[in-house]
Amino acid sequence: MEKKNIIQFDNVSFAYEAAEEEAQPEKVVDGFNLKIPEGQFVAVLGHNGCGKSTVAKLINGILVPVSGKITVDGIDTSDDSRITDVRRTVGMVFQNPDNQIVATIVEDDVAFGPENLGVEPKEIRRRVDEALKAVGMYEFRDREPHKLSGGQKQRIAIAGIIAMQTKCIVMDEPTAMLDPKGRQEVMDTIDMLHKRGITVILITHYMDEAVRAERIIVMDSGEIVSDGTPKEVFKNVEKIKALGLDVPQATELAYRLRKKGMNLPDDILDEQECAEAILKALEVK
């Protein structure tokens, strides 16, 4: 059975106000269309200024389209009377976890969202405990957030969204400020959310994160220029490079070896696949 679309953009245009009075507003997306089914894990790629963060803010109702329509679980994001419902459905996690932490104790921070939604105290307690356990941070519930590592802080921010019981989480480069250990912690948490059936939209510059998604969307100049599975998107190495983006390291190695004449598949994504394909090609020789 086909899943319903939790996010839908229909012919959406958005422009930021011009810096100078005489200038025209700067259009970021124009006639933009996108459908994301419930429960999908989507990675969004593109160089700085391509419009991906604007799309993230449009999904959450932080920004409202100039024209066209965005629906979140059937709710029109431009309907002011339903904006709370939109944010109950879609949670946002930003690049810097310090900007999202509002309390001096971890469990109070996770409780902040449900409290604002008017959830009753017993249910808040249950949600907070469950959310902290889900991200592996329950034992830190009485700690002060500012004493935690970057990866731990980001997991606290994600726990706050889980406690609000959102159906979709949009993450705008959540690992950009983290060390490799912190990045791994956050990506493992994202995988867990996806397995639970939560829709995940991950904006990232890291190709090794993007390959973990079910679907990759590549943006350039406010448009979608590539949309498919990681294998479908990354097999076109030259197109991705022309957009100023990288490909996964294993994909890059296989691409270079193919150019040197080695018979390798064009849809290799990880080291294991690459090693096996190279061994097979050498055995044939």
C-alpha atoms as a PDB file:
ATOM      1  CA  MET A   1       0.000   0.000   0.000  1.00  0.00           C
ATOM      2  CA  GLU A   2       1.328   3.410  -0.975  1.00  0.00           C
ATOM      3  CA  LYS A   3       2.149   5.667   1.981  1.00  0.00           C
ATOM      4  CA  LYS A   4       0.538   9.103   2.190  1.00  0.00           C
ATOM      5  CA  ASN A   5       2.709  12.179   1.751  1.00  0.00           C
ATOM      6  CA  ILE A   6       3.478  13.857   5.074  1.00  0.00           C
ATOM      7  CA  ILE A   7       5.225  16.790   3.314  1.00  0.00           C
ATOM      8  CA  GLN A   8       4.054  18.264   0.024  1.00  0.00           C
ATOM      9  CA  PHE A   9       5.246  21.374  -1.854  1.00  0.00           C
ATOM     10  CA  ASP A  10       3.011  22.461  -4.744  1.00  0.00           C
ATOM     11  CA  ASN A  11       4.505  25.096  -7.057  1.00  0.00           C
ATOM     12  CA  VAL A  12       6.078  26.959  -4.111  1.00  0.00           C
ATOM     13  CA  SER A  13       7.990  30.209  -4.467  1.00  0.00           C
ATOM     14  CA  PHE A  14       9.814  32.061  -1.713  1.00  0.00           C
ATOM     15  CA  ALA A  15      11.948  35.207  -1.723  1.00  0.00           C
ATOM     16  CA  TYR A  16      13.882  36.948   1.027  1.00  0.00           C
ATOM     17  CA  GLU A  17      13.472  40.713   1.261  1.00  0.00           C
ATOM     18  CA  ALA A  18      16.174  42.610  -0.598  1.00  0.00           C
ATOM     19  CA  ALA A  19      18.935  44.205   1.473  1.00  0.00           C
ATOM     20  CA  GLU A  20      18.529  47.543  -0.366  1.00  0.00           C
ATOM     21  CA  GLU A  21      15.209  49.337  -0.756  1.00  0.00           C
ATOM     22  CA  GLU A  22      15.302  49.652  -4.553  1.00  0.00           C
ATOM     23  CA  ALA A  23      16.406  46.069  -5.220  1.00  0.00           C
ATOM     24  CA  GLN A  24      14.096  43.207  -6.134  1.00  0.00           C
ATOM     25  CA  PRO A  25      13.427  40.488  -3.511  1.00  0.00           C
ATOM     26  CA  GLU A  26      15.860  37.601  -3.899  1.00  0.00           C
ATOM     27  CA  LYS A  27      13.994  34.452  -4.991  1.00  0.00           C
ATOM     28  CA  VAL A  28      15.396  31.313  -3.384  1.00  0.00           C
ATOM     29  CA  VAL A  29      12.880  28.761  -4.681  1.00  0.00           C
ATOM     30  CA  ASP A  30      10.520  29.301  -7.601  1.00  0.00           C
ATOM     31  CA  GLY A  31       7.859  26.822  -8.687  1.00  0.00           C
ATOM     32  CA  PHE A  32       9.285  24.223  -6.293  1.00  0.00           C
ATOM     33  CA  ASN A  33       7.589  20.804  -6.061  1.00  0.00           C
ATOM     34  CA  LEU A  34       8.369  18.010  -3.609  1.00  0.00           C
ATOM     35  CA  LYS A  35       6.546  15.053  -2.037  1.00  0.00           C
ATOM     36  CA  ILE A  36       7.899  13.125   0.968  1.00  0.00           C
ATOM     37  CA  PRO A  37       5.994  10.011   2.052  1.00  0.00           C
ATOM     38  CA  GLU A  38       5.419   9.257   5.739  1.00  0.00           C
ATOM     39  CA  GLY A  39       8.296   7.359   7.358  1.00  0.00           C
ATOM     40  CA  GLN A  40      10.900   8.092   4.666  1.00  0.00           C
ATOM     41  CA  PHE A  41      14.527   8.997   5.487  1.00  0.00           C
ATOM     42  CA  VAL A  42      15.589  11.708   3.028  1.00  0.00           C
ATOM     43  CA  ALA A  43      19.002  13.365   2.786  1.00  0.00           C
ATOM     44  CA  VAL A  44      19.160  16.805   1.131  1.00  0.00           C
ATOM     45  CA  LEU A  45      22.445  17.839  -0.484  1.00  0.00           C
ATOM     46  CA  GLY A  46      23.628  21.019  -2.175  1.00  0.00           C
ATOM     47  CA  HIS A  47      26.284  23.693  -1.894  1.00  0.00           C
ATOM     48  CA  ASN A  48      25.793  26.721   0.381  1.00  0.00           C
ATOM     49  CA  GLY A  49      23.084  29.047  -0.897  1.00  0.00           C
ATOM     50  CA  CYS A  50      21.273  26.402  -2.977  1.00  0.00           C
ATOM     51  CA  GLY A  51      18.062  26.766  -0.941  1.00  0.00           C
ATOM     52  CA  LYS A  52      18.111  23.616   1.197  1.00  0.00           C
ATOM     53  CA  SER A  53      17.927  25.414   4.577  1.00  0.00           C
ATOM     54  CA  THR A  54      15.131  27.624   3.232  1.00  0.00           C
ATOM     55  CA  VAL A  55      13.173  24.491   2.271  1.00  0.00           C
ATOM     56  CA  ALA A  56      13.714  23.134   5.820  1.00  0.00           C
ATOM     57  CA  LYS A  57      12.317  26.335   7.359  1.00  0.00           C
ATOM     58  CA  LEU A  58       9.363  26.319   4.950  1.00  0.00           C
ATOM     59  CA  ILE A  59       8.475  22.774   6.071  1.00  0.00           C
ATOM     60  CA  ASN A  60       8.339  23.851   9.722  1.00  0.00           C
ATOM     61  CA  GLY A  61       6.399  27.061   9.076  1.00  0.00           C
ATOM     62  CA  ILE A  62       9.320  29.262  10.202  1.00  0.00           C
ATOM     63  CA  LEU A  63       9.040  30.729   6.694  1.00  0.00           C
ATOM     64  CA  VAL A  64       5.811  30.974   4.660  1.00  0.00           C
ATOM     65  CA  PRO A  65       5.721  30.744   0.835  1.00  0.00           C
ATOM     66  CA  VAL A  66       5.117  33.858  -1.267  1.00  0.00           C
ATOM     67  CA  SER A  67       3.051  31.700  -3.622  1.00  0.00           C
ATOM     68  CA  GLY A  68       2.099  28.046  -3.962  1.00  0.00           C
ATOM     69  CA  LYS A  69       1.132  25.740  -1.125  1.00  0.00           C
ATOM     70  CA  ILE A  70       2.936  23.584   1.454  1.00  0.00           C
ATOM     71  CA  THR A  71       1.017  20.958   3.394  1.00  0.00           C
ATOM     72  CA  VAL A  72       2.340  19.112   6.441  1.00  0.00           C
ATOM     73  CA  ASP A  73       0.241  16.042   7.259  1.00  0.00           C
ATOM     74  CA  GLY A  74      -2.590  17.736   5.367  1.00  0.00           C
ATOM     75  CA  ILE A  75      -2.220  21.102   7.162  1.00  0.00           C
ATOM     76  CA  ASP A  76      -1.539  24.259   5.121  1.00  0.00           C
ATOM     77  CA  THR A  77       1.565  25.880   6.698  1.00  0.00           C
ATOM     78  CA  SER A  78       0.364  29.374   5.755  1.00  0.00           C
ATOM     79  CA  ASP A  79      -2.758  28.970   7.953  1.00  0.00           C
ATOM     80  CA  ASP A  80      -1.785  30.981  11.076  1.00  0.00           C
ATOM     81  CA  SER A  81      -4.448  29.260  13.169  1.00  0.00           C
ATOM     82  CA  ARG A  82      -2.793  25.844  12.536  1.00  0.00           C
ATOM     83  CA  ILE A  83       0.891  26.737  13.025  1.00  0.00           C
ATOM     84  CA  THR A  84       1.004  24.968  16.430  1.00  0.00           C
ATOM     85  CA  ASP A  85      -0.318  21.817  14.738  1.00  0.00           C
ATOM     86  CA  VAL A  86       2.390  22.108  12.060  1.00  0.00           C
ATOM     87  CA  ARG A  87       5.102  22.318  14.742  1.00  0.00           C
ATOM     88  CA  ARG A  88       3.546  19.420  16.640  1.00  0.00           C
ATOM     89  CA  THR A  89       3.994  17.409  13.455  1.00  0.00           C
ATOM     90  CA  VAL A  90       7.448  18.646  12.393  1.00  0.00           C
ATOM     91  CA  GLY A  91      10.328  19.219  14.808  1.00  0.00           C
ATOM     92  CA  MET A  92      13.515  21.078  13.858  1.00  0.00           C
ATOM     93  CA  VAL A  93      17.066  20.312  14.972  1.00  0.00           C
ATOM     94  CA  PHE A  94      19.629  22.956  14.045  1.00  0.00           C
ATOM     95  CA  GLN A  95      23.387  22.982  13.496  1.00  0.00           C
ATOM     96  CA  ASN A  96      24.346  24.392  16.901  1.00  0.00           C
ATOM     97  CA  PRO A  97      22.764  22.463  19.803  1.00  0.00           C
ATOM     98  CA  ASP A  98      23.594  25.331  22.210  1.00  0.00           C
ATOM     99  CA  ASN A  99      20.993  27.446  20.381  1.00  0.00           C
ATOM    100  CA  GLN A 100      18.247  24.934  21.219  1.00  0.00           C
ATOM    101  CA  ILE A 101      18.990  24.192  24.850  1.00  0.00           C
ATOM    102  CA  VAL A 102      16.821  26.372  27.111  1.00  0.00           C
ATOM    103  CA  ALA A 103      17.073  24.766  30.584  1.00  0.00           C
ATOM    104  CA  THR A 104      19.873  24.231  33.089  1.00  0.00           C
ATOM    105  CA  ILE A 105      19.049  20.536  33.690  1.00  0.00           C
ATOM    106  CA  VAL A 106      18.811  17.938  30.896  1.00  0.00           C
ATOM    107  CA  GLU A 107      15.372  16.509  31.781  1.00  0.00           C
ATOM    108  CA  ASP A 108      13.891  20.029  32.161  1.00  0.00           C
ATOM    109  CA  ASP A 109      15.133  20.865  28.677  1.00  0.00           C
ATOM    110  CA  VAL A 110      13.503  17.761  27.169  1.00  0.00           C
ATOM    111  CA  ALA A 111      10.261  18.602  29.033  1.00  0.00           C
ATOM    112  CA  PHE A 112      10.148  22.172  27.647  1.00  0.00           C
ATOM    113  CA  GLY A 113       8.355  21.315  24.370  1.00  0.00           C
ATOM    114  CA  PRO A 114       5.605  19.089  25.848  1.00  0.00           C
ATOM    115  CA  GLU A 115       4.998  21.670  28.621  1.00  0.00           C
ATOM    116  CA  ASN A 116       4.438  24.351  25.974  1.00  0.00           C
ATOM    117  CA  LEU A 117       1.944  22.055  24.241  1.00  0.00           C
ATOM    118  CA  GLY A 118      -0.029  21.796  27.504  1.00  0.00           C
ATOM    119  CA  VAL A 119       0.677  18.097  28.065  1.00  0.00           C
ATOM    120  CA  GLU A 120      -0.240  17.004  31.613  1.00  0.00           C
ATOM    121  CA  PRO A 121       2.674  16.440  34.066  1.00  0.00           C
ATOM    122  CA  LYS A 122       2.410  12.624  34.391  1.00  0.00           C
ATOM    123  CA  GLU A 123       2.483  12.235  30.617  1.00  0.00           C
ATOM    124  CA  ILE A 124       5.429  14.693  30.363  1.00  0.00           C
ATOM    125  CA  ARG A 125       7.393  12.559  32.871  1.00  0.00           C
ATOM    126  CA  ARG A 126       6.703   9.434  30.797  1.00  0.00           C
ATOM    127  CA  ARG A 127       7.650  11.123  27.511  1.00  0.00           C
ATOM    128  CA  VAL A 128      10.854  12.650  28.902  1.00  0.00           C
ATOM    129  CA  ASP A 129      12.073   9.306  30.302  1.00  0.00           C
ATOM    130  CA  GLU A 130      11.186   7.493  27.071  1.00  0.00           C
ATOM    131  CA  ALA A 131      12.848  10.144  24.864  1.00  0.00           C
ATOM    132  CA  LEU A 132      16.072  10.174  26.909  1.00  0.00           C
ATOM    133  CA  LYS A 133      16.242   6.361  26.855  1.00  0.00           C
ATOM    134  CA  ALA A 134      15.644   6.400  23.084  1.00  0.00           C
ATOM    135  CA  VAL A 135      18.716   8.594  22.475  1.00  0.00           C
ATOM    136  CA  GLY A 136      20.839   6.835  25.108  1.00  0.00           C
ATOM    137  CA  MET A 137      20.945   9.846  27.455  1.00  0.00           C
ATOM    138  CA  TYR A 138      18.730   8.714  30.359  1.00  0.00           C
ATOM    139  CA  GLU A 139      21.649   8.443  32.785  1.00  0.00           C
ATOM    140  CA  PHE A 140      22.458  12.119  32.098  1.00  0.00           C
ATOM    141  CA  ARG A 141      18.942  13.356  32.993  1.00  0.00           C
ATOM    142  CA  ASP A 142      20.103  15.268  36.105  1.00  0.00           C
ATOM    143  CA  ARG A 143      23.206  16.777  34.459  1.00  0.00           C
ATOM    144  CA  GLU A 144      23.760  20.342  33.302  1.00  0.00           C
ATOM    145  CA  PRO A 145      23.626  20.473  29.482  1.00  0.00           C
ATOM    146  CA  HIS A 146      26.555  22.901  29.165  1.00  0.00           C
ATOM    147  CA  LYS A 147      28.852  20.250  30.695  1.00  0.00           C
ATOM    148  CA  LEU A 148      28.033  17.693  27.979  1.00  0.00           C
ATOM    149  CA  SER A 149      29.877  17.057  24.700  1.00  0.00           C
ATOM    150  CA  GLY A 150      28.549  18.431  21.398  1.00  0.00           C
ATOM    151  CA  GLY A 151      27.189  15.020  20.352  1.00  0.00           C
ATOM    152  CA  GLN A 152      25.456  14.556  23.707  1.00  0.00           C
ATOM    153  CA  LYS A 153      23.895  18.045  23.478  1.00  0.00           C
ATOM    154  CA  GLN A 154      22.596  17.295  20.001  1.00  0.00           C
ATOM    155  CA  ARG A 155      21.050  14.037  21.259  1.00  0.00           C
ATOM    156  CA  ILE A 156      19.347  16.059  24.031  1.00  0.00           C
ATOM    157  CA  ALA A 157      17.944  18.415  21.348  1.00  0.00           C
ATOM    158  CA  ILE A 158      16.639  15.361  19.437  1.00  0.00           C
ATOM    159  CA  ALA A 159      15.138  13.933  22.671  1.00  0.00           C
ATOM    160  CA  GLY A 160      13.227  17.213  23.081  1.00  0.00           C
ATOM    161  CA  ILE A 161      11.672  16.702  19.634  1.00  0.00           C
ATOM    162  CA  ILE A 162      10.871  13.027  20.362  1.00  0.00           C
ATOM    163  CA  ALA A 163       9.116  14.068  23.615  1.00  0.00           C
ATOM    164  CA  MET A 164       6.812  16.295  21.545  1.00  0.00           C
ATOM    165  CA  GLN A 165       5.833  13.136  19.598  1.00  0.00           C
ATOM    166  CA  THR A 166       6.378  14.739  16.206  1.00  0.00           C
ATOM    167  CA  LYS A 167       5.826  12.566  13.128  1.00  0.00           C
ATOM    168  CA  CYS A 168       8.680  14.225  11.236  1.00  0.00           C
ATOM    169  CA  ILE A 169      12.085  15.617  12.211  1.00  0.00           C
ATOM    170  CA  VAL A 170      13.972  18.057   9.996  1.00  0.00           C
ATOM    171  CA  MET A 171      17.684  18.267  10.800  1.00  0.00           C
ATOM    172  CA  ASP A 172      19.658  21.158   9.329  1.00  0.00           C
ATOM    173  CA  GLU A 173      23.309  20.015   9.343  1.00  0.00           C
ATOM    174  CA  PRO A 174      23.046  18.612  12.895  1.00  0.00           C
ATOM    175  CA  THR A 175      26.574  17.143  12.839  1.00  0.00           C
ATOM    176  CA  ALA A 176      28.425  20.106  11.277  1.00  0.00           C
ATOM    177  CA  MET A 177      29.915  21.262  14.607  1.00  0.00           C
ATOM    178  CA  LEU A 178      30.651  17.794  16.014  1.00  0.00           C
ATOM    179  CA  ASP A 179      33.732  15.594  16.175  1.00  0.00           C
ATOM    180  CA  PRO A 180      33.626  12.108  14.512  1.00  0.00           C
ATOM    181  CA  LYS A 181      32.382  10.434  17.736  1.00  0.00           C
ATOM    182  CA  GLY A 182      29.583  13.000  18.136  1.00  0.00           C
ATOM    183  CA  ARG A 183      28.625  12.627  14.461  1.00  0.00           C
ATOM    184  CA  GLN A 184      28.399   8.840  14.856  1.00  0.00           C
ATOM    185  CA  GLU A 185      26.203   9.206  17.972  1.00  0.00           C
ATOM    186  CA  VAL A 186      23.790  11.516  16.158  1.00  0.00           C
ATOM    187  CA  MET A 187      23.658   9.359  13.005  1.00  0.00           C
ATOM    188  CA  ASP A 188      22.937   6.238  15.082  1.00  0.00           C
ATOM    189  CA  THR A 189      20.087   8.175  16.731  1.00  0.00           C
ATOM    190  CA  ILE A 190      18.748   9.184  13.297  1.00  0.00           C
ATOM    191  CA  ASP A 191      18.807   5.532  12.172  1.00  0.00           C
ATOM    192  CA  MET A 192      16.851   4.602  15.313  1.00  0.00           C
ATOM    193  CA  LEU A 193      14.210   7.284  14.619  1.00  0.00           C
ATOM    194  CA  HIS A 194      13.814   6.057  11.060  1.00  0.00           C
ATOM    195  CA  LYS A 195      13.326   2.461  12.260  1.00  0.00           C
ATOM    196  CA  ARG A 196      10.570   3.741  14.567  1.00  0.00           C
ATOM    197  CA  GLY A 197       8.699   5.070  11.525  1.00  0.00           C
ATOM    198  CA  ILE A 198       9.484   8.768  12.017  1.00  0.00           C
ATOM    199  CA  THR A 199      10.019  10.763   8.816  1.00  0.00           C
ATOM    200  CA  VAL A 200      13.572  12.149   8.812  1.00  0.00           C
ATOM    201  CA  ILE A 201      14.788  14.958   6.556  1.00  0.00           C
ATOM    202  CA  LEU A 202      18.549  15.386   6.953  1.00  0.00           C
ATOM    203  CA  ILE A 203      20.398  18.323   5.403  1.00  0.00           C
ATOM    204  CA  THR A 204      24.077  17.452   5.316  1.00  0.00           C
ATOM    205  CA  HIS A 205      27.434  18.122   3.662  1.00  0.00           C
ATOM    206  CA  TYR A 206      28.733  14.680   4.597  1.00  0.00           C
ATOM    207  CA  MET A 207      28.354  12.064   1.873  1.00  0.00           C
ATOM    208  CA  ASP A 208      28.851   9.165   4.307  1.00  0.00           C
ATOM    209  CA  GLU A 209      25.746  10.417   6.146  1.00  0.00           C
ATOM    210  CA  ALA A 210      23.739  10.823   2.945  1.00  0.00           C
ATOM    211  CA  VAL A 211      24.322   7.200   1.852  1.00  0.00           C
ATOM    212  CA  ARG A 212      22.501   6.020   5.013  1.00  0.00           C
ATOM    213  CA  ALA A 213      19.261   7.596   3.730  1.00  0.00           C
ATOM    214  CA  GLU A 214      16.614   5.844   1.603  1.00  0.00           C
ATOM    215  CA  ARG A 215      16.427   8.783  -0.775  1.00  0.00           C
ATOM    216  CA  ILE A 216      18.732  11.638  -1.715  1.00  0.00           C
ATOM    217  CA  ILE A 217      17.608  15.001  -3.075  1.00  0.00           C
ATOM    218  CA  VAL A 218      20.281  17.220  -4.622  1.00  0.00           C
ATOM    219  CA  MET A 219      19.494  20.926  -4.914  1.00  0.00           C
ATOM    220  CA  ASP A 220      21.082  23.676  -6.983  1.00  0.00           C
ATOM    221  CA  SER A 221      19.872  27.279  -7.402  1.00  0.00           C
ATOM    222  CA  GLY A 222      16.588  26.538  -5.633  1.00  0.00           C
ATOM    223  CA  GLU A 223      15.751  23.521  -7.786  1.00  0.00           C
ATOM    224  CA  ILE A 224      15.910  19.740  -7.389  1.00  0.00           C
ATOM    225  CA  VAL A 225      18.501  18.542  -9.903  1.00  0.00           C
ATOM    226  CA  SER A 226      18.719  14.919  -8.769  1.00  0.00           C
ATOM    227  CA  ASP A 227      16.317  12.717  -6.802  1.00  0.00           C
ATOM    228  CA  GLY A 228      16.646   8.991  -6.159  1.00  0.00           C
ATOM    229  CA  THR A 229      18.225   6.284  -4.032  1.00  0.00           C
ATOM    230  CA  PRO A 230      21.865   6.810  -2.983  1.00  0.00           C
ATOM    231  CA  LYS A 231      22.982   4.335  -5.678  1.00  0.00           C
ATOM    232  CA  GLU A 232      20.967   6.151  -8.371  1.00  0.00           C
ATOM    233  CA  VAL A 233      22.220   9.613  -7.376  1.00  0.00           C
ATOM    234  CA  PHE A 234      25.907   8.855  -6.770  1.00  0.00           C
ATOM    235  CA  LYS A 235      26.430   6.708  -9.881  1.00  0.00           C
ATOM    236  CA  ASN A 236      26.479   9.990 -11.838  1.00  0.00           C
ATOM    237  CA  VAL A 237      29.809  11.132 -10.369  1.00  0.00           C
ATOM    238  CA  GLU A 238      30.535  13.823 -12.958  1.00  0.00           C
ATOM    239  CA  LYS A 239      27.132  15.468 -12.507  1.00  0.00           C
ATOM    240  CA  ILE A 240      27.571  15.595  -8.695  1.00  0.00           C
ATOM    241  CA  LYS A 241      31.108  16.999  -9.020  1.00  0.00           C
ATOM    242  CA  ALA A 242      29.918  19.636 -11.503  1.00  0.00           C
ATOM    243  CA  LEU A 243      27.608  20.911  -8.749  1.00  0.00           C
ATOM    244  CA  GLY A 244      30.638  21.421  -6.478  1.00  0.00           C
ATOM    245  CA  LEU A 245      29.809  18.406  -4.306  1.00  0.00           C
ATOM    246  CA  ASP A 246      31.782  15.330  -3.329  1.00  0.00           C
ATOM    247  CA  VAL A 247      30.803  11.686  -3.671  1.00  0.00           C
ATOM    248  CA  PRO A 248      31.459   8.960  -1.062  1.00  0.00           C
ATOM    249  CA  GLN A 249      35.153   7.952  -0.931  1.00  0.00           C
ATOM    250  CA  ALA A 250      34.479   4.397  -2.150  1.00  0.00           C
ATOM    251  CA  THR A 251      32.435   5.789  -5.069  1.00  0.00           C
ATOM    252  CA  GLU A 252      35.300   8.153  -5.937  1.00  0.00           C
ATOM    253  CA  LEU A 253      37.888   5.342  -5.882  1.00  0.00           C
ATOM    254  CA  ALA A 254      35.745   3.070  -8.073  1.00  0.00           C
ATOM    255  CA  TYR A 255      35.160   5.975 -10.490  1.00  0.00           C
ATOM    256  CA  ARG A 256      38.913   6.628 -10.820  1.00  0.00           C
ATOM    257  CA  LEU A 257      39.691   2.936 -11.299  1.00  0.00           C
ATOM    258  CA  ARG A 258      36.990   2.666 -14.000  1.00  0.00           C
ATOM    259  CA  LYS A 259      38.630   5.589 -15.815  1.00  0.00           C
ATOM    260  CA  LYS A 260      41.878   3.601 -15.712  1.00  0.00           C
ATOM    261  CA  GLY A 261      40.111   0.682 -17.391  1.00  0.00           C
ATOM    262  CA  MET A 262      39.122  -1.528 -14.459  1.00  0.00           C
ATOM    263  CA  ASN A 263      35.737  -3.200 -14.918  1.00  0.00           C
ATOM    264  CA  LEU A 264      33.816  -2.047 -11.795  1.00  0.00           C
ATOM    265  CA  PRO A 265      30.097  -1.336 -11.183  1.00  0.00           C
ATOM    266  CA  ASP A 266      29.084   2.343 -11.314  1.00  0.00           C
ATOM    267  CA  ASP A 267      26.891   2.205  -8.191  1.00  0.00           C
ATOM    268  CA  ILE A 268      29.458   1.395  -5.471  1.00  0.00           C
ATOM    269  CA  LEU A 269      28.824   3.291  -2.212  1.00  0.00           C
ATOM    270  CA  ASP A 270      30.910   1.770   0.588  1.00  0.00           C
ATOM    271  CA  GLU A 271      34.364   0.303   1.262  1.00  0.00           C
ATOM    272  CA  GLN A 272      33.128  -3.306   1.514  1.00  0.00           C
ATOM    273  CA  GLU A 273      31.367  -3.146  -1.858  1.00  0.00           C
ATOM    274  CA  CYS A 274      34.422  -1.487  -3.391  1.00  0.00           C
ATOM    275  CA  ALA A 275      36.892  -4.063  -2.015  1.00  0.00           C
ATOM    276  CA  GLU A 276      34.745  -6.986  -3.200  1.00  0.00           C
ATOM    277  CA  ALA A 277      34.325  -5.472  -6.678  1.00  0.00           C
ATOM    278  CA  ILE A 278      38.098  -4.852  -7.019  1.00  0.00           C
ATOM    279  CA  LEU A 279      38.883  -8.444  -5.945  1.00  0.00           C
ATOM    280  CA  LYS A 280      36.365  -9.798  -8.451  1.00  0.00           C
ATOM    281  CA  ALA A 281      37.826  -7.644 -11.258  1.00  0.00           C
ATOM    282  CA  LEU A 282      41.377  -8.817 -10.428  1.00  0.00           C
ATOM    283  CA  GLU A 283      40.300 -12.487 -10.372  1.00  0.00           C
ATOM    284  CA  VAL A 284      38.766 -12.121 -13.833  1.00  0.00           C
ATOM    285  CA  LYS A 285      42.025 -10.652 -15.110  1.00  0.00           C
END
